[in-house]
Amino acid sequence: MFTTSELESMIAVAGRRLGREASGNGKRGGGGAVFSRVGYSVVKIPDANEISVVYRDRDDNTDKTITVHDIGNIQIQGGVVTQTVQYPGISNADLAARIALRDLRAAASPLSRLRITVN
């Protein structure tokens, strides 16, 4: 079992190693730490649940678009949040679709969270 001061010290060390400032609410039984980057403010950007990739088709030398969706994420967010990405170096639909799915997985995945509750 750790004392409150030992936990605060561990959280501060973790924050320094992450290059972040640590803060907690200081309430007994509801303790926690929030790490934020020093000198930056937190801005909530919604996760994209639809990605459109614009690529240059090599057969007819025109820009074309492929769009992929994350249906579950659309339902969770209550609407479509689109992000369009330009990849002029991609020259066929198969590769554009794979890249769109890769970007969608990255954009639609929630960030990891850690919650520590102490007595």
N, C-alpha and C. Protein backbone atom coordinates (compact mmCIF):
# COMPACT_ATOMS: atom_id res chain seq x y z
N MET A 1 0.84 -1.17 0.00
CA MET A 1 0.00 0.00 0.00
C MET A 1 0.89 1.24 0.00
N PHE A 2 0.51 2.21 -0.79
CA PHE A 2 1.29 3.45 -0.89
C PHE A 2 0.59 4.58 -0.16
N THR A 3 1.37 5.48 0.39
CA THR A 3 0.79 6.68 0.99
C THR A 3 0.48 7.69 -0.12
N THR A 4 -0.31 8.69 0.22
CA THR A 4 -0.67 9.71 -0.75
C THR A 4 0.56 10.43 -1.29
N SER A 5 1.49 10.75 -0.43
CA SER A 5 2.68 11.47 -0.88
C SER A 5 3.54 10.59 -1.80
N GLU A 6 3.59 9.28 -1.53
CA GLU A 6 4.34 8.38 -2.41
C GLU A 6 3.69 8.31 -3.79
N LEU A 7 2.36 8.24 -3.83
CA LEU A 7 1.64 8.22 -5.11
C LEU A 7 1.84 9.52 -5.87
N GLU A 8 1.76 10.65 -5.17
CA GLU A 8 1.98 11.93 -5.83
C GLU A 8 3.38 12.01 -6.41
N SER A 9 4.34 11.48 -5.68
CA SER A 9 5.72 11.46 -6.16
C SER A 9 5.86 10.59 -7.41
N MET A 10 5.21 9.41 -7.41
CA MET A 10 5.26 8.53 -8.59
C MET A 10 4.60 9.19 -9.80
N ILE A 11 3.47 9.86 -9.58
CA ILE A 11 2.78 10.54 -10.67
C ILE A 11 3.65 11.67 -11.22
N ALA A 12 4.32 12.39 -10.35
CA ALA A 12 5.20 13.47 -10.81
C ALA A 12 6.36 12.92 -11.64
N VAL A 13 6.94 11.79 -11.19
CA VAL A 13 8.03 11.16 -11.95
C VAL A 13 7.53 10.71 -13.32
N ALA A 14 6.35 10.09 -13.35
CA ALA A 14 5.78 9.65 -14.64
C ALA A 14 5.55 10.85 -15.54
N GLY A 15 5.06 11.94 -15.00
CA GLY A 15 4.84 13.14 -15.79
C GLY A 15 6.13 13.70 -16.37
N ARG A 16 7.17 13.73 -15.56
CA ARG A 16 8.47 14.22 -16.06
C ARG A 16 9.00 13.33 -17.18
N ARG A 17 8.86 12.02 -17.01
CA ARG A 17 9.35 11.10 -18.04
C ARG A 17 8.56 11.23 -19.34
N LEU A 18 7.27 11.57 -19.24
CA LEU A 18 6.44 11.77 -20.42
C LEU A 18 6.56 13.17 -20.99
N GLY A 19 7.27 14.06 -20.27
CA GLY A 19 7.37 15.45 -20.72
C GLY A 19 6.05 16.18 -20.53
N ARG A 20 5.32 15.84 -19.50
CA ARG A 20 4.00 16.40 -19.26
C ARG A 20 3.92 16.93 -17.83
N GLU A 21 2.95 17.81 -17.60
CA GLU A 21 2.64 18.25 -16.25
C GLU A 21 1.56 17.33 -15.71
N ALA A 22 1.64 17.00 -14.43
CA ALA A 22 0.63 16.15 -13.82
C ALA A 22 -0.17 16.97 -12.82
N SER A 23 -1.47 16.74 -12.80
CA SER A 23 -2.31 17.40 -11.80
C SER A 23 -3.37 16.40 -11.35
N GLY A 24 -3.82 16.55 -10.14
CA GLY A 24 -4.85 15.66 -9.62
C GLY A 24 -5.91 16.47 -8.91
N ASN A 25 -7.01 15.80 -8.53
CA ASN A 25 -8.08 16.54 -7.87
C ASN A 25 -7.93 16.57 -6.36
N GLY A 26 -7.04 15.76 -5.82
CA GLY A 26 -6.74 15.80 -4.39
C GLY A 26 -7.83 15.29 -3.47
N LYS A 27 -8.87 14.67 -4.00
CA LYS A 27 -9.96 14.16 -3.17
C LYS A 27 -9.66 12.74 -2.73
N ARG A 28 -9.94 12.44 -1.49
CA ARG A 28 -9.73 11.09 -0.97
C ARG A 28 -10.70 10.13 -1.65
N GLY A 29 -10.18 8.99 -2.15
CA GLY A 29 -11.01 8.00 -2.79
C GLY A 29 -11.35 8.33 -4.24
N GLY A 30 -11.05 9.51 -4.68
CA GLY A 30 -11.36 9.89 -6.06
C GLY A 30 -10.14 10.47 -6.74
N GLY A 31 -8.97 10.05 -6.26
CA GLY A 31 -7.74 10.60 -6.80
C GLY A 31 -7.52 10.24 -8.24
N GLY A 32 -6.74 11.01 -8.91
CA GLY A 32 -6.44 10.74 -10.29
C GLY A 32 -5.38 11.70 -10.77
N ALA A 33 -4.90 11.46 -11.94
CA ALA A 33 -3.89 12.35 -12.51
C ALA A 33 -4.28 12.67 -13.94
N VAL A 34 -4.06 13.90 -14.31
CA VAL A 34 -4.28 14.34 -15.68
C VAL A 34 -2.94 14.83 -16.19
N PHE A 35 -2.47 14.26 -17.28
CA PHE A 35 -1.21 14.67 -17.86
C PHE A 35 -1.50 15.59 -19.04
N SER A 36 -0.86 16.73 -19.07
CA SER A 36 -1.02 17.63 -20.20
C SER A 36 0.35 18.14 -20.60
N ARG A 37 0.53 18.39 -21.88
CA ARG A 37 1.81 18.86 -22.38
C ARG A 37 2.06 20.27 -21.89
N VAL A 38 3.23 20.52 -21.38
CA VAL A 38 3.59 21.82 -20.84
C VAL A 38 3.53 22.86 -21.96
N GLY A 39 2.83 23.97 -21.72
CA GLY A 39 2.78 25.06 -22.69
C GLY A 39 1.70 24.92 -23.75
N TYR A 40 0.90 23.87 -23.68
CA TYR A 40 -0.17 23.67 -24.67
C TYR A 40 -1.51 23.64 -23.97
N SER A 41 -2.53 24.10 -24.66
CA SER A 41 -3.88 23.96 -24.12
C SER A 41 -4.54 22.76 -24.78
N VAL A 42 -5.48 22.14 -24.10
CA VAL A 42 -6.15 20.96 -24.61
C VAL A 42 -7.30 21.40 -25.51
N VAL A 43 -7.32 20.89 -26.72
CA VAL A 43 -8.39 21.18 -27.67
C VAL A 43 -9.00 19.85 -28.06
N LYS A 44 -10.31 19.71 -27.90
CA LYS A 44 -10.98 18.46 -28.25
C LYS A 44 -11.28 18.47 -29.74
N ILE A 45 -10.65 17.55 -30.45
CA ILE A 45 -10.91 17.39 -31.87
C ILE A 45 -11.65 16.08 -32.03
N PRO A 46 -12.83 16.12 -32.66
CA PRO A 46 -13.57 14.87 -32.80
C PRO A 46 -12.82 13.88 -33.68
N ASP A 47 -12.94 12.62 -33.31
CA ASP A 47 -12.31 11.57 -34.10
C ASP A 47 -13.07 11.43 -35.41
N ALA A 48 -12.34 11.30 -36.51
CA ALA A 48 -12.97 11.10 -37.82
C ALA A 48 -13.54 9.69 -37.89
N ASN A 49 -14.75 9.57 -38.43
CA ASN A 49 -15.33 8.26 -38.63
C ASN A 49 -15.61 8.00 -40.11
N GLU A 50 -15.14 8.91 -40.95
CA GLU A 50 -15.21 8.75 -42.40
C GLU A 50 -13.96 9.38 -42.99
N ILE A 51 -13.24 8.63 -43.78
CA ILE A 51 -12.02 9.12 -44.42
C ILE A 51 -12.20 9.08 -45.93
N SER A 52 -11.92 10.19 -46.58
CA SER A 52 -11.93 10.25 -48.05
C SER A 52 -10.49 10.45 -48.52
N VAL A 53 -10.03 9.56 -49.37
CA VAL A 53 -8.69 9.65 -49.93
C VAL A 53 -8.80 10.08 -51.38
N VAL A 54 -8.12 11.17 -51.70
CA VAL A 54 -8.07 11.65 -53.08
C VAL A 54 -6.72 11.22 -53.66
N TYR A 55 -6.78 10.49 -54.78
CA TYR A 55 -5.56 9.99 -55.41
C TYR A 55 -5.60 10.30 -56.91
N ARG A 56 -4.46 10.19 -57.59
CA ARG A 56 -4.35 10.45 -59.03
C ARG A 56 -4.32 9.11 -59.75
N ASP A 57 -5.39 8.80 -60.49
CA ASP A 57 -5.48 7.54 -61.24
C ASP A 57 -4.51 7.57 -62.41
N ARG A 58 -3.65 6.55 -62.51
CA ARG A 58 -2.63 6.52 -63.57
C ARG A 58 -3.21 6.21 -64.94
N ASP A 59 -4.39 5.55 -65.00
CA ASP A 59 -4.96 5.18 -66.29
C ASP A 59 -5.49 6.38 -67.06
N ASP A 60 -6.21 7.27 -66.38
CA ASP A 60 -6.77 8.43 -67.09
C ASP A 60 -6.26 9.77 -66.56
N ASN A 61 -5.29 9.74 -65.64
CA ASN A 61 -4.62 10.93 -65.11
C ASN A 61 -5.61 11.96 -64.52
N THR A 62 -6.60 11.46 -63.77
CA THR A 62 -7.56 12.34 -63.11
C THR A 62 -7.57 12.04 -61.61
N ASP A 63 -8.01 13.03 -60.85
CA ASP A 63 -8.16 12.82 -59.41
C ASP A 63 -9.44 12.04 -59.15
N LYS A 64 -9.33 11.02 -58.31
CA LYS A 64 -10.49 10.22 -57.91
C LYS A 64 -10.49 10.11 -56.39
N THR A 65 -11.65 9.78 -55.85
CA THR A 65 -11.82 9.73 -54.40
C THR A 65 -12.39 8.38 -53.99
N ILE A 66 -11.83 7.85 -52.91
CA ILE A 66 -12.37 6.65 -52.27
C ILE A 66 -12.70 7.03 -50.84
N THR A 67 -13.90 6.65 -50.37
CA THR A 67 -14.35 6.99 -49.03
C THR A 67 -14.66 5.71 -48.26
N VAL A 68 -14.18 5.64 -47.02
CA VAL A 68 -14.47 4.51 -46.14
C VAL A 68 -15.11 5.04 -44.86
N HIS A 69 -15.94 4.21 -44.22
CA HIS A 69 -16.71 4.61 -43.04
C HIS A 69 -16.49 3.63 -41.90
N ASP A 70 -16.64 4.12 -40.68
CA ASP A 70 -16.70 3.29 -39.48
C ASP A 70 -18.11 3.45 -38.93
N ILE A 71 -18.99 2.51 -39.26
CA ILE A 71 -20.41 2.61 -38.94
C ILE A 71 -20.64 2.70 -37.42
N GLY A 72 -19.94 1.88 -36.65
CA GLY A 72 -20.10 1.90 -35.20
C GLY A 72 -19.72 3.25 -34.61
N ASN A 73 -18.62 3.82 -35.10
CA ASN A 73 -18.18 5.11 -34.60
C ASN A 73 -19.16 6.21 -34.99
N ILE A 74 -19.76 6.10 -36.17
CA ILE A 74 -20.78 7.07 -36.60
C ILE A 74 -21.96 7.04 -35.63
N GLN A 75 -22.38 5.84 -35.24
CA GLN A 75 -23.49 5.71 -34.29
C GLN A 75 -23.12 6.27 -32.92
N ILE A 76 -21.90 6.01 -32.47
CA ILE A 76 -21.47 6.50 -31.16
C ILE A 76 -21.43 8.02 -31.14
N GLN A 77 -20.87 8.64 -32.21
CA GLN A 77 -20.74 10.09 -32.26
C GLN A 77 -22.04 10.78 -32.66
N GLY A 78 -22.99 10.03 -33.17
CA GLY A 78 -24.27 10.61 -33.55
C GLY A 78 -24.25 11.34 -34.88
N GLY A 79 -23.25 11.10 -35.68
CA GLY A 79 -23.17 11.75 -36.99
C GLY A 79 -21.84 11.46 -37.65
N VAL A 80 -21.72 11.89 -38.88
CA VAL A 80 -20.52 11.65 -39.66
C VAL A 80 -19.52 12.79 -39.45
N VAL A 81 -18.27 12.43 -39.17
CA VAL A 81 -17.17 13.38 -39.06
C VAL A 81 -16.17 12.99 -40.14
N THR A 82 -16.11 13.80 -41.19
CA THR A 82 -15.31 13.47 -42.37
C THR A 82 -13.94 14.13 -42.32
N GLN A 83 -12.96 13.39 -42.79
CA GLN A 83 -11.62 13.93 -42.97
C GLN A 83 -11.18 13.55 -44.39
N THR A 84 -10.74 14.53 -45.16
CA THR A 84 -10.27 14.28 -46.53
C THR A 84 -8.75 14.41 -46.55
N VAL A 85 -8.10 13.43 -47.18
CA VAL A 85 -6.64 13.40 -47.25
C VAL A 85 -6.23 13.29 -48.71
N GLN A 86 -5.26 14.08 -49.11
CA GLN A 86 -4.73 14.06 -50.48
C GLN A 86 -3.48 13.17 -50.52
N TYR A 87 -3.48 12.19 -51.41
CA TYR A 87 -2.31 11.34 -51.64
C TYR A 87 -2.04 11.32 -53.15
N PRO A 88 -1.40 12.35 -53.70
CA PRO A 88 -1.16 12.39 -55.15
C PRO A 88 -0.21 11.30 -55.64
N GLY A 89 0.57 10.69 -54.74
CA GLY A 89 1.50 9.64 -55.13
C GLY A 89 0.85 8.28 -55.32
N ILE A 90 -0.38 8.13 -54.86
CA ILE A 90 -1.11 6.87 -55.04
C ILE A 90 -1.73 6.88 -56.42
N SER A 91 -1.58 5.76 -57.14
CA SER A 91 -2.02 5.77 -58.54
C SER A 91 -3.07 4.72 -58.88
N ASN A 92 -3.58 3.97 -57.89
CA ASN A 92 -4.64 3.01 -58.21
C ASN A 92 -5.61 2.87 -57.04
N ALA A 93 -6.82 2.40 -57.35
CA ALA A 93 -7.90 2.35 -56.38
C ALA A 93 -7.63 1.35 -55.26
N ASP A 94 -6.98 0.23 -55.56
CA ASP A 94 -6.71 -0.78 -54.54
C ASP A 94 -5.83 -0.22 -53.43
N LEU A 95 -4.74 0.42 -53.81
CA LEU A 95 -3.85 1.01 -52.82
C LEU A 95 -4.53 2.15 -52.07
N ALA A 96 -5.31 2.96 -52.76
CA ALA A 96 -6.03 4.07 -52.12
C ALA A 96 -6.99 3.54 -51.06
N ALA A 97 -7.68 2.43 -51.36
CA ALA A 97 -8.61 1.85 -50.40
C ALA A 97 -7.88 1.32 -49.17
N ARG A 98 -6.73 0.68 -49.37
CA ARG A 98 -5.96 0.17 -48.23
C ARG A 98 -5.45 1.31 -47.36
N ILE A 99 -4.98 2.38 -47.99
CA ILE A 99 -4.49 3.54 -47.24
C ILE A 99 -5.65 4.21 -46.49
N ALA A 100 -6.81 4.30 -47.13
CA ALA A 100 -7.98 4.90 -46.47
C ALA A 100 -8.37 4.10 -45.24
N LEU A 101 -8.37 2.77 -45.33
CA LEU A 101 -8.69 1.94 -44.17
C LEU A 101 -7.65 2.09 -43.06
N ARG A 102 -6.39 2.19 -43.45
CA ARG A 102 -5.33 2.40 -42.46
C ARG A 102 -5.55 3.72 -41.72
N ASP A 103 -5.82 4.80 -42.47
CA ASP A 103 -6.04 6.10 -41.86
C ASP A 103 -7.30 6.11 -41.00
N LEU A 104 -8.34 5.39 -41.43
CA LEU A 104 -9.58 5.32 -40.66
C LEU A 104 -9.35 4.61 -39.33
N ARG A 105 -8.61 3.52 -39.36
CA ARG A 105 -8.31 2.81 -38.11
C ARG A 105 -7.59 3.73 -37.13
N ALA A 106 -6.65 4.53 -37.65
CA ALA A 106 -5.90 5.44 -36.77
C ALA A 106 -6.79 6.57 -36.26
N ALA A 107 -7.65 7.12 -37.11
CA ALA A 107 -8.48 8.27 -36.73
C ALA A 107 -9.66 7.88 -35.85
N ALA A 108 -10.21 6.69 -36.04
CA ALA A 108 -11.43 6.29 -35.33
C ALA A 108 -11.12 5.59 -34.02
N SER A 109 -9.87 5.23 -33.77
CA SER A 109 -9.52 4.54 -32.53
C SER A 109 -9.41 5.54 -31.39
N PRO A 110 -10.04 5.26 -30.26
CA PRO A 110 -9.94 6.18 -29.13
C PRO A 110 -8.54 6.13 -28.53
N LEU A 111 -8.13 7.24 -27.95
CA LEU A 111 -6.85 7.28 -27.27
C LEU A 111 -6.93 6.46 -25.99
N SER A 112 -5.82 5.92 -25.57
CA SER A 112 -5.79 5.11 -24.35
C SER A 112 -6.00 5.99 -23.13
N ARG A 113 -6.62 5.42 -22.14
CA ARG A 113 -6.83 6.13 -20.89
C ARG A 113 -6.32 5.27 -19.74
N LEU A 114 -5.89 5.92 -18.71
CA LEU A 114 -5.45 5.25 -17.51
C LEU A 114 -6.12 5.92 -16.34
N ARG A 115 -6.71 5.13 -15.48
CA ARG A 115 -7.36 5.67 -14.31
C ARG A 115 -6.84 4.94 -13.09
N ILE A 116 -6.35 5.70 -12.13
CA ILE A 116 -5.84 5.14 -10.89
C ILE A 116 -6.73 5.61 -9.77
N THR A 117 -7.30 4.68 -9.00
CA THR A 117 -8.11 5.02 -7.85
C THR A 117 -7.41 4.52 -6.62
N VAL A 118 -7.24 5.40 -5.66
CA VAL A 118 -6.54 5.05 -4.42
C VAL A 118 -7.43 5.37 -3.22
N ASN A 119 -7.09 4.74 -2.10
CA ASN A 119 -7.84 5.01 -0.85
C ASN A 119 -7.35 6.29 -0.24
